[in-house]
Amino acid sequence: MSQRAATPRSSIIEAINRRALLQFRYNGRRRTVEPYCFGVSTAGSDVLRAIEVGAGFGKLWKLSEMSDVRVLEDTFTPDDPNYNPNDKAMKQIYCRI
């Protein structure tokens, strides 16, 4: 997988727009996710709704806890049957599939 670095926010937006896999370090572990929705949580934090590759379910990831965020060249087909584009966990949405 080829990858390149940018700012965390721009990387997330690019990955969602390109339907590209996103990789980052979170809680000390390298994660690869399918990003679906990026915005502000009801608690006021920037968050990403994404499915971790291999885990199979959506999760909110806090931008403040991510590091080494990279957009991968590999793309994905959004097919999560539980995805809600009007995510109730977010009070504002910056970008979404």
N, C-alpha and C. Protein backbone atom coordinates (compact mmCIF):
# COMPACT_ATOMS: atom_id res chain seq x y z
N MET A 1 0.84 -1.18 0.00
CA MET A 1 0.00 0.00 0.00
C MET A 1 0.88 1.24 0.00
N SER A 2 0.67 2.09 -0.94
CA SER A 2 1.39 3.35 -0.98
C SER A 2 0.65 4.36 -0.11
N GLN A 3 1.39 5.28 0.50
CA GLN A 3 0.74 6.23 1.39
C GLN A 3 1.48 7.56 1.35
N ARG A 4 0.82 8.62 1.79
CA ARG A 4 1.45 9.92 1.89
C ARG A 4 0.86 10.66 3.07
N ALA A 5 1.64 11.57 3.63
CA ALA A 5 1.22 12.29 4.83
C ALA A 5 0.69 13.68 4.48
N ALA A 6 -0.20 14.21 5.30
CA ALA A 6 -0.74 15.57 5.20
C ALA A 6 -1.25 15.94 6.59
N THR A 7 -1.97 17.06 6.71
CA THR A 7 -2.53 17.39 8.02
C THR A 7 -3.65 16.40 8.33
N PRO A 8 -3.89 16.11 9.61
CA PRO A 8 -4.94 15.13 9.96
C PRO A 8 -6.31 15.50 9.37
N ARG A 9 -6.72 16.76 9.50
CA ARG A 9 -8.04 17.15 8.97
C ARG A 9 -8.13 16.98 7.46
N SER A 10 -7.12 17.48 6.75
CA SER A 10 -7.16 17.38 5.29
C SER A 10 -7.07 15.93 4.83
N SER A 11 -6.31 15.12 5.56
CA SER A 11 -6.21 13.70 5.22
C SER A 11 -7.56 13.00 5.37
N ILE A 12 -8.26 13.29 6.45
CA ILE A 12 -9.58 12.67 6.66
C ILE A 12 -10.54 13.08 5.56
N ILE A 13 -10.58 14.36 5.24
CA ILE A 13 -11.49 14.85 4.20
C ILE A 13 -11.14 14.24 2.85
N GLU A 14 -9.85 14.20 2.53
CA GLU A 14 -9.42 13.59 1.27
C GLU A 14 -9.82 12.12 1.21
N ALA A 15 -9.60 11.39 2.30
CA ALA A 15 -9.93 9.96 2.32
C ALA A 15 -11.43 9.74 2.11
N ILE A 16 -12.26 10.55 2.75
CA ILE A 16 -13.71 10.40 2.56
C ILE A 16 -14.09 10.72 1.13
N ASN A 17 -13.57 11.81 0.60
CA ASN A 17 -13.90 12.20 -0.78
C ASN A 17 -13.45 11.18 -1.81
N ARG A 18 -12.29 10.55 -1.58
CA ARG A 18 -11.75 9.56 -2.52
C ARG A 18 -12.20 8.15 -2.20
N ARG A 19 -12.91 7.98 -1.06
CA ARG A 19 -13.27 6.63 -0.57
C ARG A 19 -12.01 5.79 -0.42
N ALA A 20 -10.98 6.42 0.16
CA ALA A 20 -9.69 5.77 0.36
C ALA A 20 -9.57 5.31 1.81
N LEU A 21 -8.85 4.24 2.00
CA LEU A 21 -8.57 3.79 3.36
C LEU A 21 -7.70 4.83 4.06
N LEU A 22 -7.90 4.94 5.37
CA LEU A 22 -7.16 5.89 6.19
C LEU A 22 -6.42 5.10 7.27
N GLN A 23 -5.20 5.51 7.53
CA GLN A 23 -4.42 4.80 8.55
C GLN A 23 -3.92 5.82 9.56
N PHE A 24 -3.91 5.44 10.84
CA PHE A 24 -3.43 6.33 11.90
C PHE A 24 -3.06 5.51 13.13
N ARG A 25 -2.37 6.17 14.04
CA ARG A 25 -2.02 5.56 15.32
C ARG A 25 -3.05 6.05 16.34
N TYR A 26 -3.61 5.12 17.14
CA TYR A 26 -4.66 5.43 18.11
C TYR A 26 -4.50 4.50 19.29
N ASN A 27 -4.39 5.06 20.49
CA ASN A 27 -4.17 4.24 21.69
C ASN A 27 -2.98 3.31 21.53
N GLY A 28 -1.92 3.83 20.90
CA GLY A 28 -0.70 3.06 20.77
C GLY A 28 -0.69 2.00 19.68
N ARG A 29 -1.77 1.90 18.93
CA ARG A 29 -1.86 0.87 17.88
C ARG A 29 -2.10 1.51 16.52
N ARG A 30 -1.54 0.90 15.49
CA ARG A 30 -1.77 1.33 14.11
C ARG A 30 -3.15 0.83 13.70
N ARG A 31 -3.99 1.73 13.19
CA ARG A 31 -5.35 1.36 12.75
C ARG A 31 -5.50 1.69 11.27
N THR A 32 -6.24 0.85 10.56
CA THR A 32 -6.63 1.11 9.18
C THR A 32 -8.14 1.07 9.15
N VAL A 33 -8.74 2.15 8.62
CA VAL A 33 -10.19 2.27 8.66
C VAL A 33 -10.77 2.69 7.31
N GLU A 34 -12.06 2.41 7.16
CA GLU A 34 -12.88 2.93 6.06
C GLU A 34 -13.61 4.14 6.64
N PRO A 35 -13.23 5.36 6.25
CA PRO A 35 -13.84 6.57 6.82
C PRO A 35 -15.19 6.89 6.17
N TYR A 36 -16.18 7.20 7.00
CA TYR A 36 -17.51 7.50 6.50
C TYR A 36 -17.94 8.93 6.77
N CYS A 37 -17.66 9.46 7.95
CA CYS A 37 -18.22 10.75 8.34
C CYS A 37 -17.27 11.45 9.31
N PHE A 38 -17.06 12.75 9.09
CA PHE A 38 -16.14 13.54 9.91
C PHE A 38 -16.86 14.79 10.37
N GLY A 39 -16.84 15.06 11.67
CA GLY A 39 -17.53 16.24 12.18
C GLY A 39 -17.24 16.50 13.65
N VAL A 40 -18.16 17.22 14.28
CA VAL A 40 -18.03 17.59 15.69
C VAL A 40 -19.03 16.76 16.49
N SER A 41 -18.52 16.09 17.53
CA SER A 41 -19.39 15.26 18.37
C SER A 41 -20.31 16.15 19.20
N THR A 42 -21.31 15.54 19.78
CA THR A 42 -22.22 16.28 20.66
C THR A 42 -21.48 16.79 21.89
N ALA A 43 -20.30 16.22 22.19
CA ALA A 43 -19.46 16.68 23.31
C ALA A 43 -18.49 17.79 22.88
N GLY A 44 -18.48 18.12 21.57
CA GLY A 44 -17.66 19.22 21.09
C GLY A 44 -16.29 18.85 20.55
N SER A 45 -16.00 17.55 20.38
CA SER A 45 -14.71 17.10 19.86
C SER A 45 -14.82 16.78 18.37
N ASP A 46 -13.75 17.03 17.61
CA ASP A 46 -13.71 16.56 16.23
C ASP A 46 -13.60 15.05 16.25
N VAL A 47 -14.47 14.38 15.50
CA VAL A 47 -14.50 12.92 15.48
C VAL A 47 -14.68 12.38 14.07
N LEU A 48 -14.26 11.16 13.90
CA LEU A 48 -14.40 10.44 12.64
C LEU A 48 -15.23 9.19 12.89
N ARG A 49 -16.27 9.00 12.11
CA ARG A 49 -17.02 7.74 12.13
C ARG A 49 -16.40 6.87 11.04
N ALA A 50 -15.86 5.74 11.45
CA ALA A 50 -15.17 4.86 10.51
C ALA A 50 -15.24 3.42 10.98
N ILE A 51 -15.05 2.52 10.03
CA ILE A 51 -15.05 1.09 10.32
C ILE A 51 -13.60 0.60 10.25
N GLU A 52 -13.13 0.02 11.34
CA GLU A 52 -11.77 -0.52 11.33
C GLU A 52 -11.74 -1.78 10.46
N VAL A 53 -10.81 -1.81 9.53
CA VAL A 53 -10.67 -2.96 8.65
C VAL A 53 -10.40 -4.19 9.51
N GLY A 54 -11.20 -5.22 9.30
CA GLY A 54 -11.07 -6.45 10.06
C GLY A 54 -11.96 -6.52 11.29
N ALA A 55 -12.46 -5.36 11.76
CA ALA A 55 -13.32 -5.34 12.96
C ALA A 55 -14.79 -5.42 12.57
N GLY A 56 -15.16 -4.78 11.45
CA GLY A 56 -16.51 -4.91 10.92
C GLY A 56 -17.61 -4.07 11.54
N PHE A 57 -17.28 -3.10 12.38
CA PHE A 57 -18.34 -2.25 12.93
C PHE A 57 -17.83 -0.82 13.03
N GLY A 58 -18.78 0.12 12.99
CA GLY A 58 -18.44 1.54 13.04
C GLY A 58 -18.10 2.00 14.44
N LYS A 59 -17.22 2.98 14.51
CA LYS A 59 -16.78 3.52 15.79
C LYS A 59 -16.48 5.00 15.60
N LEU A 60 -16.63 5.78 16.67
CA LEU A 60 -16.21 7.17 16.66
C LEU A 60 -14.77 7.25 17.13
N TRP A 61 -13.93 7.87 16.35
CA TRP A 61 -12.52 8.05 16.67
C TRP A 61 -12.29 9.54 16.90
N LYS A 62 -11.69 9.92 18.03
CA LYS A 62 -11.41 11.32 18.33
C LYS A 62 -10.15 11.77 17.60
N LEU A 63 -10.27 12.87 16.87
CA LEU A 63 -9.14 13.41 16.15
C LEU A 63 -7.99 13.74 17.11
N SER A 64 -8.31 14.23 18.30
CA SER A 64 -7.28 14.61 19.28
C SER A 64 -6.44 13.42 19.75
N GLU A 65 -6.93 12.20 19.54
CA GLU A 65 -6.19 11.01 19.97
C GLU A 65 -5.50 10.30 18.81
N MET A 66 -5.64 10.85 17.59
CA MET A 66 -5.00 10.26 16.41
C MET A 66 -3.63 10.90 16.20
N SER A 67 -2.71 10.11 15.68
CA SER A 67 -1.42 10.63 15.23
C SER A 67 -1.00 9.89 13.98
N ASP A 68 -0.04 10.45 13.27
CA ASP A 68 0.49 9.83 12.06
C ASP A 68 -0.64 9.42 11.10
N VAL A 69 -1.52 10.36 10.80
CA VAL A 69 -2.68 10.11 9.94
C VAL A 69 -2.25 10.13 8.48
N ARG A 70 -2.59 9.07 7.76
CA ARG A 70 -2.19 8.93 6.35
C ARG A 70 -3.34 8.39 5.50
N VAL A 71 -3.47 8.96 4.31
CA VAL A 71 -4.42 8.46 3.32
C VAL A 71 -3.70 7.40 2.51
N LEU A 72 -4.30 6.23 2.40
CA LEU A 72 -3.71 5.15 1.61
C LEU A 72 -4.22 5.22 0.18
N GLU A 73 -3.49 4.60 -0.72
CA GLU A 73 -3.91 4.56 -2.12
C GLU A 73 -5.10 3.62 -2.32
N ASP A 74 -5.21 2.60 -1.47
CA ASP A 74 -6.30 1.62 -1.59
C ASP A 74 -7.63 2.27 -1.28
N THR A 75 -8.63 1.96 -2.09
CA THR A 75 -9.98 2.50 -1.89
C THR A 75 -10.91 1.39 -1.39
N PHE A 76 -12.11 1.81 -1.00
CA PHE A 76 -13.12 0.85 -0.53
C PHE A 76 -14.48 1.24 -1.10
N THR A 77 -15.39 0.27 -1.10
CA THR A 77 -16.76 0.51 -1.52
C THR A 77 -17.60 0.63 -0.26
N PRO A 78 -18.20 1.82 -0.02
CA PRO A 78 -19.02 1.98 1.17
C PRO A 78 -20.21 1.03 1.14
N ASP A 79 -20.29 0.13 2.10
CA ASP A 79 -21.38 -0.84 2.10
C ASP A 79 -21.86 -1.18 3.51
N ASP A 80 -21.59 -0.29 4.48
CA ASP A 80 -22.04 -0.52 5.85
C ASP A 80 -23.55 -0.31 5.93
N PRO A 81 -24.32 -1.36 6.21
CA PRO A 81 -25.78 -1.22 6.25
C PRO A 81 -26.25 -0.38 7.45
N ASN A 82 -25.39 -0.17 8.43
CA ASN A 82 -25.76 0.61 9.61
C ASN A 82 -25.35 2.07 9.53
N TYR A 83 -24.70 2.46 8.44
CA TYR A 83 -24.23 3.84 8.31
C TYR A 83 -25.41 4.79 8.18
N ASN A 84 -25.39 5.84 8.99
CA ASN A 84 -26.41 6.89 8.94
C ASN A 84 -25.71 8.19 8.56
N PRO A 85 -25.95 8.73 7.36
CA PRO A 85 -25.28 9.96 6.94
C PRO A 85 -25.63 11.16 7.83
N ASN A 86 -26.71 11.07 8.58
CA ASN A 86 -27.09 12.11 9.54
C ASN A 86 -26.76 11.62 10.94
N ASP A 87 -25.51 11.28 11.15
CA ASP A 87 -25.02 10.68 12.39
C ASP A 87 -25.47 11.48 13.61
N LYS A 88 -26.22 10.84 14.49
CA LYS A 88 -26.78 11.50 15.68
C LYS A 88 -25.71 11.80 16.73
N ALA A 89 -24.52 11.18 16.60
CA ALA A 89 -23.43 11.44 17.54
C ALA A 89 -22.69 12.73 17.20
N MET A 90 -23.08 13.36 16.06
CA MET A 90 -22.41 14.58 15.62
C MET A 90 -23.40 15.73 15.54
N LYS A 91 -22.98 16.88 16.08
CA LYS A 91 -23.84 18.07 16.01
C LYS A 91 -23.52 18.90 14.77
N GLN A 92 -22.37 18.65 14.17
CA GLN A 92 -22.00 19.31 12.91
C GLN A 92 -21.19 18.31 12.09
N ILE A 93 -21.45 18.25 10.79
CA ILE A 93 -20.72 17.33 9.91
C ILE A 93 -19.94 18.15 8.91
N TYR A 94 -18.63 17.90 8.85
CA TYR A 94 -17.74 18.58 7.89
C TYR A 94 -17.78 17.91 6.53
N CYS A 95 -17.77 16.58 6.56
CA CYS A 95 -17.64 15.80 5.33
C CYS A 95 -18.20 14.41 5.59
N ARG A 96 -18.83 13.82 4.58
CA ARG A 96 -19.37 12.47 4.73
C ARG A 96 -19.51 11.81 3.36
N ILE A 97 -19.63 10.50 3.41
CA ILE A 97 -19.89 9.73 2.19
C ILE A 97 -21.33 9.95 1.81
